[in-house]
Amino acid sequence: MAENKVRAKNVFGKMVISEETGKKYGVVGNFDFITESGELLNVVVDGATKSLADLNLKADERGKILIPFNAVKSIGDFVIVSENELV
């Protein structure tokens, strides 16, 4: 099966949504990654909603909430994350 590739610039600004509940969490503002390997660590969320803030996830030095990249299930019109993997 062919692997679909997505460029980061095409993901910035996409809405982040819970797979289980459909709740909106905010929009993709940036990514945290390891420069040597390119491994993605976190999605940095801009405009975090109360639903996301209530999950008490880690934040970066600017107070932006971080969603672990392993919780991302798909990227298309939206970035779908598993809420079960966040709590």
PDB file of N, CA and C in Angstrom:
ATOM      1  N   MET A   1       0.841  -1.177   0.000  1.00  0.00           N
ATOM      2  CA  MET A   1       0.000   0.000   0.000  1.00  0.00           C
ATOM      3  C   MET A   1       0.886   1.241   0.000  1.00  0.00           C
ATOM      4  N   ALA A   2       0.529   2.220  -0.807  1.00  0.00           N
ATOM      5  CA  ALA A   2       1.303   3.451  -0.910  1.00  0.00           C
ATOM      6  C   ALA A   2       1.136   4.280   0.355  1.00  0.00           C
ATOM      7  N   GLU A   3       2.225   4.890   0.760  1.00  0.00           N
ATOM      8  CA  GLU A   3       2.204   5.731   1.955  1.00  0.00           C
ATOM      9  C   GLU A   3       1.925   7.168   1.541  1.00  0.00           C
ATOM     10  N   ASN A   4       0.920   7.792   2.148  1.00  0.00           N
ATOM     11  CA  ASN A   4       0.612   9.187   1.858  1.00  0.00           C
ATOM     12  C   ASN A   4       1.522  10.080   2.672  1.00  0.00           C
ATOM     13  N   LYS A   5       2.103  11.075   2.007  1.00  0.00           N
ATOM     14  CA  LYS A   5       2.971  12.022   2.698  1.00  0.00           C
ATOM     15  C   LYS A   5       2.243  13.357   2.816  1.00  0.00           C
ATOM     16  N   VAL A   6       2.422  13.994   3.960  1.00  0.00           N
ATOM     17  CA  VAL A   6       1.804  15.286   4.219  1.00  0.00           C
ATOM     18  C   VAL A   6       2.909  16.254   4.612  1.00  0.00           C
ATOM     19  N   ARG A   7       2.960  17.389   3.967  1.00  0.00           N
ATOM     20  CA  ARG A   7       3.954  18.406   4.315  1.00  0.00           C
ATOM     21  C   ARG A   7       3.454  19.220   5.505  1.00  0.00           C
ATOM     22  N   ALA A   8       4.387  19.536   6.406  1.00  0.00           N
ATOM     23  CA  ALA A   8       4.026  20.271   7.625  1.00  0.00           C
ATOM     24  C   ALA A   8       3.326  21.583   7.297  1.00  0.00           C
ATOM     25  N   LYS A   9       3.785  22.284   6.260  1.00  0.00           N
ATOM     26  CA  LYS A   9       3.176  23.581   5.936  1.00  0.00           C
ATOM     27  C   LYS A   9       1.700  23.444   5.582  1.00  0.00           C
ATOM     28  N   ASN A  10       1.284  22.244   5.149  1.00  0.00           N
ATOM     29  CA  ASN A  10      -0.120  22.014   4.816  1.00  0.00           C
ATOM     30  C   ASN A  10      -0.958  21.627   6.037  1.00  0.00           C
ATOM     31  N   VAL A  11      -0.302  21.404   7.171  1.00  0.00           N
ATOM     32  CA  VAL A  11      -1.006  21.005   8.395  1.00  0.00           C
ATOM     33  C   VAL A  11      -1.228  22.202   9.318  1.00  0.00           C
ATOM     34  N   PHE A  12      -0.346  23.196   9.242  1.00  0.00           N
ATOM     35  CA  PHE A  12      -0.486  24.380  10.092  1.00  0.00           C
ATOM     36  C   PHE A  12      -1.846  25.025   9.857  1.00  0.00           C
ATOM     37  N   GLY A  13      -2.529  25.345  10.948  1.00  0.00           N
ATOM     38  CA  GLY A  13      -3.830  25.991  10.857  1.00  0.00           C
ATOM     39  C   GLY A  13      -5.013  25.040  10.770  1.00  0.00           C
ATOM     40  N   LYS A  14      -4.746  23.725  10.661  1.00  0.00           N
ATOM     41  CA  LYS A  14      -5.857  22.764  10.613  1.00  0.00           C
ATOM     42  C   LYS A  14      -6.434  22.568  12.012  1.00  0.00           C
ATOM     43  N   MET A  15      -7.738  22.375  12.068  1.00  0.00           N
ATOM     44  CA  MET A  15      -8.433  22.142  13.333  1.00  0.00           C
ATOM     45  C   MET A  15      -8.051  20.770  13.884  1.00  0.00           C
ATOM     46  N   VAL A  16      -7.798  20.703  15.197  1.00  0.00           N
ATOM     47  CA  VAL A  16      -7.515  19.451  15.896  1.00  0.00           C
ATOM     48  C   VAL A  16      -8.811  19.010  16.570  1.00  0.00           C
ATOM     49  N   ILE A  17      -9.214  17.751  16.298  1.00  0.00           N
ATOM     50  CA  ILE A  17     -10.506  17.246  16.764  1.00  0.00           C
ATOM     51  C   ILE A  17     -10.336  15.881  17.425  1.00  0.00           C
ATOM     52  N   SER A  18     -11.119  15.637  18.479  1.00  0.00           N
ATOM     53  CA  SER A  18     -11.127  14.346  19.169  1.00  0.00           C
ATOM     54  C   SER A  18     -11.804  13.287  18.306  1.00  0.00           C
ATOM     55  N   GLU A  19     -11.155  12.144  18.189  1.00  0.00           N
ATOM     56  CA  GLU A  19     -11.706  11.010  17.448  1.00  0.00           C
ATOM     57  C   GLU A  19     -12.964  10.469  18.127  1.00  0.00           C
ATOM     58  N   GLU A  20     -12.963  10.439  19.449  1.00  0.00           N
ATOM     59  CA  GLU A  20     -14.053   9.815  20.194  1.00  0.00           C
ATOM     60  C   GLU A  20     -15.278  10.722  20.354  1.00  0.00           C
ATOM     61  N   THR A  21     -15.042  11.998  20.607  1.00  0.00           N
ATOM     62  CA  THR A  21     -16.161  12.888  20.948  1.00  0.00           C
ATOM     63  C   THR A  21     -16.462  13.947  19.898  1.00  0.00           C
ATOM     64  N   GLY A  22     -15.533  14.174  18.983  1.00  0.00           N
ATOM     65  CA  GLY A  22     -15.717  15.223  17.985  1.00  0.00           C
ATOM     66  C   GLY A  22     -15.466  16.624  18.519  1.00  0.00           C
ATOM     67  N   LYS A  23     -14.980  16.721  19.765  1.00  0.00           N
ATOM     68  CA  LYS A  23     -14.703  18.037  20.352  1.00  0.00           C
ATOM     69  C   LYS A  23     -13.547  18.703  19.615  1.00  0.00           C
ATOM     70  N   LYS A  24     -13.661  20.011  19.435  1.00  0.00           N
ATOM     71  CA  LYS A  24     -12.588  20.793  18.830  1.00  0.00           C
ATOM     72  C   LYS A  24     -11.602  21.181  19.924  1.00  0.00           C
ATOM     73  N   TYR A  25     -10.309  21.076  19.597  1.00  0.00           N
ATOM     74  CA  TYR A  25      -9.263  21.369  20.574  1.00  0.00           C
ATOM     75  C   TYR A  25      -8.464  22.630  20.272  1.00  0.00           C
ATOM     76  N   GLY A  26      -8.559  23.161  19.080  1.00  0.00           N
ATOM     77  CA  GLY A  26      -7.753  24.301  18.657  1.00  0.00           C
ATOM     78  C   GLY A  26      -7.181  23.994  17.288  1.00  0.00           C
ATOM     79  N   VAL A  27      -6.159  24.745  16.882  1.00  0.00           N
ATOM     80  CA  VAL A  27      -5.549  24.526  15.569  1.00  0.00           C
ATOM     81  C   VAL A  27      -4.057  24.238  15.716  1.00  0.00           C
ATOM     82  N   VAL A  28      -3.517  23.532  14.728  1.00  0.00           N
ATOM     83  CA  VAL A  28      -2.087  23.211  14.721  1.00  0.00           C
ATOM     84  C   VAL A  28      -1.305  24.504  14.516  1.00  0.00           C
ATOM     85  N   GLY A  29      -0.431  24.806  15.461  1.00  0.00           N
ATOM     86  CA  GLY A  29       0.405  25.994  15.362  1.00  0.00           C
ATOM     87  C   GLY A  29       1.836  25.663  15.002  1.00  0.00           C
ATOM     88  N   ASN A  30       2.296  24.492  15.449  1.00  0.00           N
ATOM     89  CA  ASN A  30       3.681  24.094  15.217  1.00  0.00           C
ATOM     90  C   ASN A  30       3.840  22.639  15.618  1.00  0.00           C
ATOM     91  N   PHE A  31       5.071  22.143  15.467  1.00  0.00           N
ATOM     92  CA  PHE A  31       5.428  20.794  15.890  1.00  0.00           C
ATOM     93  C   PHE A  31       6.701  20.855  16.710  1.00  0.00           C
ATOM     94  N   ASP A  32       6.821  19.958  17.693  1.00  0.00           N
ATOM     95  CA  ASP A  32       8.093  19.716  18.373  1.00  0.00           C
ATOM     96  C   ASP A  32       8.675  18.464  17.749  1.00  0.00           C
ATOM     97  N   PHE A  33       9.972  18.508  17.410  1.00  0.00           N
ATOM     98  CA  PHE A  33      10.599  17.328  16.823  1.00  0.00           C
ATOM     99  C   PHE A  33      12.075  17.288  17.167  1.00  0.00           C
ATOM    100  N   ILE A  34      12.662  16.114  17.011  1.00  0.00           N
ATOM    101  CA  ILE A  34      14.091  15.920  17.238  1.00  0.00           C
ATOM    102  C   ILE A  34      14.797  16.230  15.929  1.00  0.00           C
ATOM    103  N   THR A  35      15.675  17.230  15.934  1.00  0.00           N
ATOM    104  CA  THR A  35      16.291  17.675  14.683  1.00  0.00           C
ATOM    105  C   THR A  35      17.177  16.612  14.050  1.00  0.00           C
ATOM    106  N   GLU A  36      17.861  15.823  14.858  1.00  0.00           N
ATOM    107  CA  GLU A  36      18.775  14.824  14.305  1.00  0.00           C
ATOM    108  C   GLU A  36      18.046  13.728  13.532  1.00  0.00           C
ATOM    109  N   SER A  37      16.900  13.303  14.043  1.00  0.00           N
ATOM    110  CA  SER A  37      16.189  12.179  13.424  1.00  0.00           C
ATOM    111  C   SER A  37      14.925  12.602  12.678  1.00  0.00           C
ATOM    112  N   GLY A  38      14.404  13.779  13.000  1.00  0.00           N
ATOM    113  CA  GLY A  38      13.147  14.218  12.401  1.00  0.00           C
ATOM    114  C   GLY A  38      11.919  13.642  13.084  1.00  0.00           C
ATOM    115  N   GLU A  39      12.125  12.898  14.171  1.00  0.00           N
ATOM    116  CA  GLU A  39      10.995  12.292  14.884  1.00  0.00           C
ATOM    117  C   GLU A  39      10.087  13.374  15.464  1.00  0.00           C
ATOM    118  N   LEU A  40       8.790  13.271  15.150  1.00  0.00           N
ATOM    119  CA  LEU A  40       7.812  14.220  15.682  1.00  0.00           C
ATOM    120  C   LEU A  40       7.437  13.826  17.099  1.00  0.00           C
ATOM    121  N   LEU A  41       7.478  14.792  18.009  1.00  0.00           N
ATOM    122  CA  LEU A  41       7.165  14.537  19.413  1.00  0.00           C
ATOM    123  C   LEU A  41       5.784  15.045  19.798  1.00  0.00           C
ATOM    124  N   ASN A  42       5.486  16.289  19.445  1.00  0.00           N
ATOM    125  CA  ASN A  42       4.239  16.920  19.876  1.00  0.00           C
ATOM    126  C   ASN A  42       3.659  17.814  18.793  1.00  0.00           C
ATOM    127  N   VAL A  43       2.349  17.954  18.838  1.00  0.00           N
ATOM    128  CA  VAL A  43       1.649  18.984  18.079  1.00  0.00           C
ATOM    129  C   VAL A  43       1.442  20.148  19.042  1.00  0.00           C
ATOM    130  N   VAL A  44       1.889  21.329  18.651  1.00  0.00           N
ATOM    131  CA  VAL A  44       1.705  22.532  19.462  1.00  0.00           C
ATOM    132  C   VAL A  44       0.391  23.174  19.017  1.00  0.00           C
ATOM    133  N   VAL A  45      -0.535  23.338  19.961  1.00  0.00           N
ATOM    134  CA  VAL A  45      -1.884  23.804  19.632  1.00  0.00           C
ATOM    135  C   VAL A  45      -2.027  25.298  19.905  1.00  0.00           C
ATOM    136  N   ASP A  46      -2.467  26.029  18.879  1.00  0.00           N
ATOM    137  CA  ASP A  46      -2.818  27.444  19.026  1.00  0.00           C
ATOM    138  C   ASP A  46      -4.307  27.548  19.319  1.00  0.00           C
ATOM    139  N   GLY A  47      -4.683  28.520  20.115  1.00  0.00           N
ATOM    140  CA  GLY A  47      -6.098  28.757  20.391  1.00  0.00           C
ATOM    141  C   GLY A  47      -6.774  27.576  21.051  1.00  0.00           C
ATOM    142  N   ALA A  48      -6.098  26.981  22.030  1.00  0.00           N
ATOM    143  CA  ALA A  48      -6.645  25.797  22.711  1.00  0.00           C
ATOM    144  C   ALA A  48      -8.015  26.100  23.308  1.00  0.00           C
ATOM    145  N   THR A  49      -8.924  25.160  23.132  1.00  0.00           N
ATOM    146  CA  THR A  49     -10.273  25.298  23.678  1.00  0.00           C
ATOM    147  C   THR A  49     -10.300  24.835  25.136  1.00  0.00           C
ATOM    148  N   LYS A  50     -11.394  25.123  25.809  1.00  0.00           N
ATOM    149  CA  LYS A  50     -11.568  24.674  27.193  1.00  0.00           C
ATOM    150  C   LYS A  50     -11.537  23.151  27.264  1.00  0.00           C
ATOM    151  N   SER A  51     -12.086  22.478  26.249  1.00  0.00           N
ATOM    152  CA  SER A  51     -12.087  21.006  26.226  1.00  0.00           C
ATOM    153  C   SER A  51     -10.672  20.460  26.290  1.00  0.00           C
ATOM    154  N   LEU A  52      -9.749  21.091  25.565  1.00  0.00           N
ATOM    155  CA  LEU A  52      -8.355  20.643  25.589  1.00  0.00           C
ATOM    156  C   LEU A  52      -7.695  21.033  26.905  1.00  0.00           C
ATOM    157  N   ALA A  53      -7.930  22.236  27.363  1.00  0.00           N
ATOM    158  CA  ALA A  53      -7.329  22.691  28.624  1.00  0.00           C
ATOM    159  C   ALA A  53      -7.748  21.799  29.787  1.00  0.00           C
ATOM    160  N   ASP A  54      -8.979  21.305  29.748  1.00  0.00           N
ATOM    161  CA  ASP A  54      -9.487  20.444  30.823  1.00  0.00           C
ATOM    162  C   ASP A  54      -8.770  19.102  30.903  1.00  0.00           C
ATOM    163  N   LEU A  55      -8.038  18.725  29.847  1.00  0.00           N
ATOM    164  CA  LEU A  55      -7.309  17.449  29.858  1.00  0.00           C
ATOM    165  C   LEU A  55      -5.989  17.543  30.619  1.00  0.00           C
ATOM    166  N   ASN A  56      -5.592  18.764  31.008  1.00  0.00           N
ATOM    167  CA  ASN A  56      -4.374  18.988  31.805  1.00  0.00           C
ATOM    168  C   ASN A  56      -3.125  18.388  31.170  1.00  0.00           C
ATOM    169  N   LEU A  57      -2.921  18.668  29.887  1.00  0.00           N
ATOM    170  CA  LEU A  57      -1.726  18.207  29.184  1.00  0.00           C
ATOM    171  C   LEU A  57      -0.574  19.171  29.436  1.00  0.00           C
ATOM    172  N   LYS A  58       0.632  18.754  29.058  1.00  0.00           N
ATOM    173  CA  LYS A  58       1.806  19.612  29.201  1.00  0.00           C
ATOM    174  C   LYS A  58       1.689  20.803  28.260  1.00  0.00           C
ATOM    175  N   ALA A  59       2.380  21.872  28.637  1.00  0.00           N
ATOM    176  CA  ALA A  59       2.438  23.071  27.802  1.00  0.00           C
ATOM    177  C   ALA A  59       3.897  23.431  27.560  1.00  0.00           C
ATOM    178  N   ASP A  60       4.146  24.191  26.484  1.00  0.00           N
ATOM    179  CA  ASP A  60       5.510  24.630  26.211  1.00  0.00           C
ATOM    180  C   ASP A  60       5.812  25.891  27.019  1.00  0.00           C
ATOM    181  N   GLU A  61       6.985  26.472  26.782  1.00  0.00           N
ATOM    182  CA  GLU A  61       7.420  27.634  27.555  1.00  0.00           C
ATOM    183  C   GLU A  61       6.552  28.869  27.313  1.00  0.00           C
ATOM    184  N   ARG A  62       5.775  28.874  26.224  1.00  0.00           N
ATOM    185  CA  ARG A  62       4.874  29.995  25.929  1.00  0.00           C
ATOM    186  C   ARG A  62       3.445  29.728  26.396  1.00  0.00           C
ATOM    187  N   GLY A  63       3.245  28.565  27.036  1.00  0.00           N
ATOM    188  CA  GLY A  63       1.919  28.219  27.533  1.00  0.00           C
ATOM    189  C   GLY A  63       1.031  27.524  26.522  1.00  0.00           C
ATOM    190  N   LYS A  64       1.573  27.187  25.349  1.00  0.00           N
ATOM    191  CA  LYS A  64       0.800  26.476  24.319  1.00  0.00           C
ATOM    192  C   LYS A  64       0.715  25.002  24.703  1.00  0.00           C
ATOM    193  N   ILE A  65      -0.476  24.431  24.598  1.00  0.00           N
ATOM    194  CA  ILE A  65      -0.683  23.031  24.978  1.00  0.00           C
ATOM    195  C   ILE A  65      -0.068  22.110  23.932  1.00  0.00           C
ATOM    196  N   LEU A  66       0.556  21.025  24.423  1.00  0.00           N
ATOM    197  CA  LEU A  66       1.229  20.044  23.570  1.00  0.00           C
ATOM    198  C   LEU A  66       0.428  18.749  23.535  1.00  0.00           C
ATOM    199  N   ILE A  67       0.150  18.272  22.336  1.00  0.00           N
ATOM    200  CA  ILE A  67      -0.501  16.974  22.159  1.00  0.00           C
ATOM    201  C   ILE A  67       0.560  16.004  21.665  1.00  0.00           C
ATOM    202  N   PRO A  68       0.812  14.913  22.395  1.00  0.00           N
ATOM    203  CA  PRO A  68       1.810  13.939  21.948  1.00  0.00           C
ATOM    204  C   PRO A  68       1.469  13.433  20.542  1.00  0.00           C
ATOM    205  N   PHE A  69       2.479  13.383  19.671  1.00  0.00           N
ATOM    206  CA  PHE A  69       2.213  13.016  18.279  1.00  0.00           C
ATOM    207  C   PHE A  69       1.674  11.596  18.157  1.00  0.00           C
ATOM    208  N   ASN A  70       1.984  10.718  19.113  1.00  0.00           N
ATOM    209  CA  ASN A  70       1.471   9.344  19.026  1.00  0.00           C
ATOM    210  C   ASN A  70      -0.041   9.281  19.196  1.00  0.00           C
ATOM    211  N   ALA A  71      -0.671  10.373  19.638  1.00  0.00           N
ATOM    212  CA  ALA A  71      -2.134  10.415  19.751  1.00  0.00           C
ATOM    213  C   ALA A  71      -2.802  10.797  18.430  1.00  0.00           C
ATOM    214  N   VAL A  72      -2.007  11.257  17.445  1.00  0.00           N
ATOM    215  CA  VAL A  72      -2.563  11.638  16.144  1.00  0.00           C
ATOM    216  C   VAL A  72      -2.928  10.378  15.373  1.00  0.00           C
ATOM    217  N   LYS A  73      -4.183  10.305  14.952  1.00  0.00           N
ATOM    218  CA  LYS A  73      -4.680   9.131  14.224  1.00  0.00           C
ATOM    219  C   LYS A  73      -4.743   9.365  12.727  1.00  0.00           C
ATOM    220  N   SER A  74      -5.060  10.576  12.308  1.00  0.00           N
ATOM    221  CA  SER A  74      -5.096  10.869  10.874  1.00  0.00           C
ATOM    222  C   SER A  74      -4.979  12.367  10.649  1.00  0.00           C
ATOM    223  N   ILE A  75      -4.509  12.696   9.443  1.00  0.00           N
ATOM    224  CA  ILE A  75      -4.394  14.085   9.020  1.00  0.00           C
ATOM    225  C   ILE A  75      -5.038  14.187   7.648  1.00  0.00           C
ATOM    226  N   GLY A  76      -6.042  15.019   7.561  1.00  0.00           N
ATOM    227  CA  GLY A  76      -6.745  15.260   6.301  1.00  0.00           C
ATOM    228  C   GLY A  76      -7.241  16.689   6.339  1.00  0.00           C
ATOM    229  N   ASP A  77      -8.549  16.871   6.219  1.00  0.00           N
ATOM    230  CA  ASP A  77      -9.124  18.207   6.381  1.00  0.00           C
ATOM    231  C   ASP A  77      -8.959  18.679   7.820  1.00  0.00           C
ATOM    232  N   PHE A  78      -8.883  17.726   8.737  1.00  0.00           N
ATOM    233  CA  PHE A  78      -8.685  17.981  10.159  1.00  0.00           C
ATOM    234  C   PHE A  78      -7.551  17.093  10.654  1.00  0.00           C
ATOM    235  N   VAL A  79      -7.017  17.417  11.840  1.00  0.00           N
ATOM    236  CA  VAL A  79      -6.076  16.532  12.523  1.00  0.00           C
ATOM    237  C   VAL A  79      -6.889  15.821  13.597  1.00  0.00           C
ATOM    238  N   ILE A  80      -7.025  14.506  13.442  1.00  0.00           N
ATOM    239  CA  ILE A  80      -7.832  13.706  14.357  1.00  0.00           C
ATOM    240  C   ILE A  80      -6.909  13.074  15.392  1.00  0.00           C
ATOM    241  N   VAL A  81      -7.233  13.272  16.675  1.00  0.00           N
ATOM    242  CA  VAL A  81      -6.432  12.700  17.756  1.00  0.00           C
ATOM    243  C   VAL A  81      -7.307  11.814  18.636  1.00  0.00           C
ATOM    244  N   SER A  82      -6.674  10.803  19.223  1.00  0.00           N
ATOM    245  CA  SER A  82      -7.372   9.906  20.137  1.00  0.00           C
ATOM    246  C   SER A  82      -7.360  10.501  21.537  1.00  0.00           C
ATOM    247  N   GLU A  83      -8.521  10.892  22.008  1.00  0.00           N
ATOM    248  CA  GLU A  83      -8.638  11.435  23.360  1.00  0.00           C
ATOM    249  C   GLU A  83      -8.254  10.380  24.388  1.00  0.00           C
ATOM    250  N   ASN A  84      -8.529   9.115  24.088  1.00  0.00           N
ATOM    251  CA  ASN A  84      -8.182   8.029  25.011  1.00  0.00           C
ATOM    252  C   ASN A  84      -6.683   7.951  25.253  1.00  0.00           C
ATOM    253  N   GLU A  85      -5.878   8.340  24.267  1.00  0.00           N
ATOM    254  CA  GLU A  85      -4.426   8.299  24.433  1.00  0.00           C
ATOM    255  C   GLU A  85      -3.888   9.553  25.113  1.00  0.00           C
ATOM    256  N   LEU A  86      -4.749  10.519  25.339  1.00  0.00           N
ATOM    257  CA  LEU A  86      -4.330  11.761  25.997  1.00  0.00           C
ATOM    258  C   LEU A  86      -4.557  11.725  27.495  1.00  0.00           C
ATOM    259  N   VAL A  87      -5.507  10.900  27.947  1.00  0.00           N
ATOM    260  CA  VAL A  87      -5.846  10.876  29.374  1.00  0.00           C
ATOM    261  C   VAL A  87      -5.334   9.626  30.045  1.00  0.00           C
TER     262      VAL A  87
END
